[in-house]
Amino acid sequence: MTRIFLLLAIICLFPGCASLHKSQPAAVYDFGLQMPLSSEPLSQPIPLRKKSLLVADTTAPVWLDSRAIHYRLLYDNPTQSYTYANNRWIATPAALFTQQLRNRIAAGTQEQVIKDNSIAAADHVLLTELEEFSQVFDTATDSHIVAGLRASLIERNTRKLLAQKDFNITVKAPSADAAGAVSALSAASNQLLNELINWLATALPRD
C-alpha cells in the first residue's frame, strides 16, 4: 500500500497531474450591450419639463442581493432556490439594472438624471425593487425565466406617492443551463426597461 501512495506522489510531480485538480474558471456575465427602445413609440414623450429626477439605486431582497444566478426546479421542489456553481453576474442584478435604467432615462429625456441626492436636489424620486429574477425549470430540459420589478414614483418635497406599478415578465430560456438563463434574463431586463420608461412617461406630472 505504501508503494502505491509513493508511486502516485511521483506521478503527480509531472505537470499534467496538476491540471486534474484545477477547477473550471467561473463564467462571468452581464446584461450585454444595451438595446435601444422598442420600435413601438412611447405613448407620449416623457414630460420632465426641466424638472430633475433622482433615480435611486435599484434594491433587491436579501436572497437576490448577490452575484449568483438563481434557478428553481418546479418538477422537483418548487420551494427551494439553487444557484449555479461556476457561473455568476459581474455585479448584482440590481446594480446592473440601475446603471441601464439611468442611461435609458437620460437618453430618452435629454434631462438631468440625478443618482445621488447629496449632489443636487431632485423634484421627483424613482424607486425600483427587483422582486424576482431567476430561471425556473418546468422539466429537466425545459425552462423559462421570471423577472419581477416594482416601481414607485415619489414627489420629493411632499414625499407623496404619485404612482406605483408592478412589472412581471416571463421569457422562455433558449437552453436549460446558465447560459440560457443569462440570455433570457438579459432580454427580460431590456423589456422591463422599455415598459418602465413607457409607464414613467404617463406617471410623471406634466407641469
Protein backbone atom coordinates (compact mmCIF):
# COMPACT_ATOMS: atom_id res chain seq x y z
CA MET A 1 0.00 0.00 0.00
CA THR A 2 2.90 2.35 0.85
CA ARG A 3 4.43 1.71 -2.57
CA ILE A 4 1.15 2.66 -4.28
CA PHE A 5 0.95 6.01 -2.45
CA LEU A 6 4.62 6.67 -3.28
CA LEU A 7 4.02 5.91 -6.95
CA LEU A 8 1.02 8.28 -7.06
CA ALA A 9 3.06 11.02 -5.43
CA ILE A 10 5.82 10.62 -8.03
CA ILE A 11 3.30 10.70 -10.90
CA CYS A 12 1.73 13.88 -9.57
CA LEU A 13 5.08 15.64 -9.85
CA PHE A 14 4.51 15.80 -13.61
CA PRO A 15 2.77 18.95 -14.94
CA GLY A 16 -0.18 17.06 -16.38
CA CYS A 17 -1.31 15.79 -13.00
CA ALA A 18 -1.87 19.26 -11.57
CA SER A 19 -4.43 20.05 -14.25
CA LEU A 20 -6.60 17.23 -12.98
CA HIS A 21 -7.16 19.14 -9.74
CA LYS A 22 -7.83 22.55 -11.26
CA SER A 23 -11.41 23.73 -11.01
CA GLN A 24 -13.09 25.24 -14.03
CA PRO A 25 -12.92 29.06 -14.06
CA ALA A 26 -16.21 30.76 -13.30
CA ALA A 27 -18.11 32.26 -16.23
CA VAL A 28 -18.98 35.91 -15.54
CA TYR A 29 -21.94 37.62 -17.23
CA ASP A 30 -23.61 40.99 -17.53
CA PHE A 31 -26.76 42.04 -19.42
CA GLY A 32 -24.87 42.55 -22.67
CA LEU A 33 -24.93 45.63 -24.85
CA GLN A 34 -27.80 47.94 -24.01
CA MET A 35 -30.55 47.70 -26.60
CA PRO A 36 -32.46 50.76 -27.83
CA LEU A 37 -36.09 51.31 -27.01
CA SER A 38 -38.51 49.04 -28.84
CA SER A 39 -39.76 50.14 -32.25
CA GLU A 40 -43.11 50.93 -30.69
CA PRO A 41 -43.27 54.66 -29.95
CA LEU A 42 -43.74 55.90 -26.42
CA SER A 43 -47.34 56.61 -25.53
CA GLN A 44 -46.13 60.21 -25.16
CA PRO A 45 -42.78 61.93 -24.62
CA ILE A 46 -41.55 61.76 -21.05
CA PRO A 47 -42.70 65.11 -19.65
CA LEU A 48 -39.96 66.12 -17.24
CA ARG A 49 -40.42 69.80 -18.21
CA LYS A 50 -36.99 70.81 -16.88
CA LYS A 51 -37.61 69.05 -13.58
CA SER A 52 -34.96 66.70 -12.25
CA LEU A 53 -35.43 63.03 -11.44
CA LEU A 54 -33.50 61.15 -8.81
CA VAL A 55 -33.12 57.55 -9.94
CA ALA A 56 -32.32 55.71 -6.72
CA ASP A 57 -30.29 52.51 -6.70
CA THR A 58 -32.46 49.52 -7.50
CA THR A 59 -32.88 47.32 -4.45
CA ALA A 60 -33.49 43.59 -4.08
CA PRO A 61 -34.44 41.14 -1.32
CA VAL A 62 -31.60 39.61 0.65
CA TRP A 63 -31.63 36.32 -1.26
CA LEU A 64 -31.28 38.15 -4.59
CA ASP A 65 -28.73 40.71 -3.45
CA SER A 66 -25.68 38.84 -4.71
CA ARG A 67 -23.92 37.95 -7.97
CA ALA A 68 -25.34 34.44 -8.01
CA ILE A 69 -27.57 33.22 -10.87
CA HIS A 70 -30.64 31.61 -9.29
CA TYR A 71 -32.85 28.80 -10.54
CA ARG A 72 -35.71 26.62 -9.27
CA LEU A 73 -36.83 23.09 -10.12
CA LEU A 74 -40.63 23.17 -10.26
CA TYR A 75 -40.78 19.48 -11.11
CA ASP A 76 -38.78 18.52 -8.02
CA ASN A 77 -39.00 21.07 -5.20
CA PRO A 78 -40.50 24.44 -6.21
CA THR A 79 -39.86 25.98 -2.78
CA GLN A 80 -36.09 25.52 -2.97
CA SER A 81 -33.79 28.01 -4.69
CA TYR A 82 -30.47 26.93 -6.22
CA THR A 83 -27.51 28.83 -7.68
CA TYR A 84 -25.11 27.87 -10.46
CA ALA A 85 -21.72 26.95 -9.01
CA ASN A 86 -19.40 28.18 -11.78
CA ASN A 87 -21.49 30.99 -13.23
CA ARG A 88 -22.23 34.43 -11.82
CA TRP A 89 -23.09 38.02 -12.69
CA ILE A 90 -20.30 40.59 -12.90
CA ALA A 91 -22.30 42.64 -10.36
CA THR A 92 -25.60 42.12 -8.59
CA PRO A 93 -28.64 42.14 -10.92
CA ALA A 94 -29.93 45.21 -9.05
CA ALA A 95 -26.69 47.12 -9.73
CA LEU A 96 -26.69 46.12 -13.40
CA PHE A 97 -30.31 47.18 -13.78
CA THR A 98 -29.67 50.52 -12.02
CA GLN A 99 -26.97 51.54 -14.48
CA GLN A 100 -29.02 50.63 -17.53
CA LEU A 101 -32.10 52.38 -16.13
CA ARG A 102 -30.24 55.65 -15.57
CA ASN A 103 -28.69 55.52 -19.01
CA ARG A 104 -32.01 54.77 -20.68
CA ILE A 105 -33.90 57.58 -18.91
CA ALA A 106 -31.12 60.08 -19.59
CA ALA A 107 -31.02 59.14 -23.27
CA GLY A 108 -34.80 59.26 -23.64
CA THR A 109 -35.46 62.54 -21.86
CA GLN A 110 -32.41 64.75 -22.51
CA GLU A 111 -32.86 65.88 -18.93
CA GLN A 112 -30.58 65.62 -15.93
CA VAL A 113 -30.82 62.31 -14.13
CA ILE A 114 -29.59 62.52 -10.54
CA LYS A 115 -28.10 59.45 -8.94
CA ASP A 116 -27.05 60.95 -5.61
CA ASN A 117 -29.35 63.23 -3.65
CA SER A 118 -26.35 64.82 -1.90
CA ILE A 119 -25.17 66.30 -5.19
CA ALA A 120 -28.37 68.08 -6.19
CA ALA A 121 -31.96 68.21 -5.01
CA ALA A 122 -34.46 66.41 -7.21
CA ASP A 123 -38.09 67.21 -7.92
CA HIS A 124 -39.11 63.56 -8.14
CA VAL A 125 -37.66 60.26 -6.97
CA LEU A 126 -37.93 56.94 -8.80
CA LEU A 127 -37.63 53.86 -6.57
CA THR A 128 -37.29 50.39 -8.09
CA GLU A 129 -37.04 46.97 -6.48
CA LEU A 130 -36.31 43.66 -8.16
CA GLU A 131 -38.70 41.14 -6.62
CA GLU A 132 -37.83 38.10 -8.76
CA PHE A 133 -35.01 37.41 -11.21
CA SER A 134 -34.42 33.71 -11.71
CA GLN A 135 -34.68 30.71 -14.00
CA VAL A 136 -37.49 28.20 -13.48
CA PHE A 137 -37.30 24.61 -14.74
CA ASP A 138 -40.65 23.04 -15.64
CA THR A 139 -38.79 19.85 -16.61
CA ALA A 140 -35.14 18.89 -16.69
CA THR A 141 -34.82 20.22 -20.26
CA ASP A 142 -37.45 22.97 -20.42
CA SER A 143 -37.08 26.26 -18.57
CA HIS A 144 -38.10 29.90 -18.55
CA ILE A 145 -37.16 32.95 -16.54
CA VAL A 146 -39.30 35.09 -14.30
CA ALA A 147 -38.47 38.76 -13.70
CA GLY A 148 -40.47 40.94 -11.33
CA LEU A 149 -40.00 44.64 -10.61
CA ARG A 150 -41.89 47.21 -8.53
CA ALA A 151 -41.53 50.89 -9.41
CA SER A 152 -42.63 53.83 -7.27
CA LEU A 153 -42.62 57.49 -8.27
CA ILE A 154 -42.47 59.95 -5.36
CA GLU A 155 -42.69 63.72 -5.18
CA ARG A 156 -39.61 64.64 -3.19
CA ASN A 157 -40.81 67.73 -1.31
CA THR A 158 -44.10 66.30 -0.09
CA ARG A 159 -43.00 62.61 -0.11
CA LYS A 160 -46.30 61.89 -1.80
CA LEU A 161 -46.56 58.63 -3.73
CA LEU A 162 -47.58 59.74 -7.22
CA ALA A 163 -47.70 56.33 -8.90
CA GLN A 164 -46.69 52.72 -8.36
CA LYS A 165 -46.70 49.69 -10.61
CA ASP A 166 -45.58 46.05 -10.60
CA PHE A 167 -43.98 44.63 -13.74
CA ASN A 168 -43.81 40.89 -14.34
CA ILE A 169 -42.14 39.26 -17.34
CA THR A 170 -41.68 35.65 -18.39
CA VAL A 171 -39.27 34.66 -21.16
CA LYS A 172 -38.50 31.16 -22.40
CA ALA A 173 -34.85 30.23 -21.93
CA PRO A 174 -33.08 29.08 -25.12
CA SER A 175 -31.22 26.36 -23.21
CA ALA A 176 -31.54 24.57 -19.87
CA ASP A 177 -28.35 25.92 -18.35
CA ALA A 178 -26.74 29.08 -17.01
CA ALA A 179 -26.08 30.48 -20.47
CA GLY A 180 -29.75 30.08 -21.31
CA ALA A 181 -30.73 31.78 -18.06
CA VAL A 182 -28.44 34.74 -18.75
CA SER A 183 -29.74 35.15 -22.30
CA ALA A 184 -33.39 35.16 -21.19
CA LEU A 185 -32.78 37.32 -18.11
CA SER A 186 -30.92 39.89 -20.21
CA ALA A 187 -33.84 40.03 -22.65
CA ALA A 188 -36.24 40.37 -19.73
CA SER A 189 -34.18 43.22 -18.28
CA ASN A 190 -34.41 45.09 -21.57
CA GLN A 191 -38.16 44.51 -21.73
CA LEU A 192 -38.55 45.73 -18.15
CA LEU A 193 -36.71 48.91 -19.08
CA ASN A 194 -38.97 49.51 -22.08
CA GLU A 195 -42.14 49.02 -20.06
CA LEU A 196 -40.85 51.12 -17.17
CA ILE A 197 -39.92 54.03 -19.45
CA ASN A 198 -43.37 53.98 -21.07
CA TRP A 199 -45.03 53.91 -17.66
CA LEU A 200 -42.86 56.77 -16.47
CA ALA A 201 -43.99 58.86 -19.43
CA THR A 202 -47.55 58.80 -18.14
CA ALA A 203 -46.75 58.84 -14.41
CA LEU A 204 -44.59 61.98 -14.28
CA PRO A 205 -46.51 65.24 -13.73
CA ARG A 206 -46.72 67.46 -16.80
CA ASP A 207 -46.28 70.78 -15.07
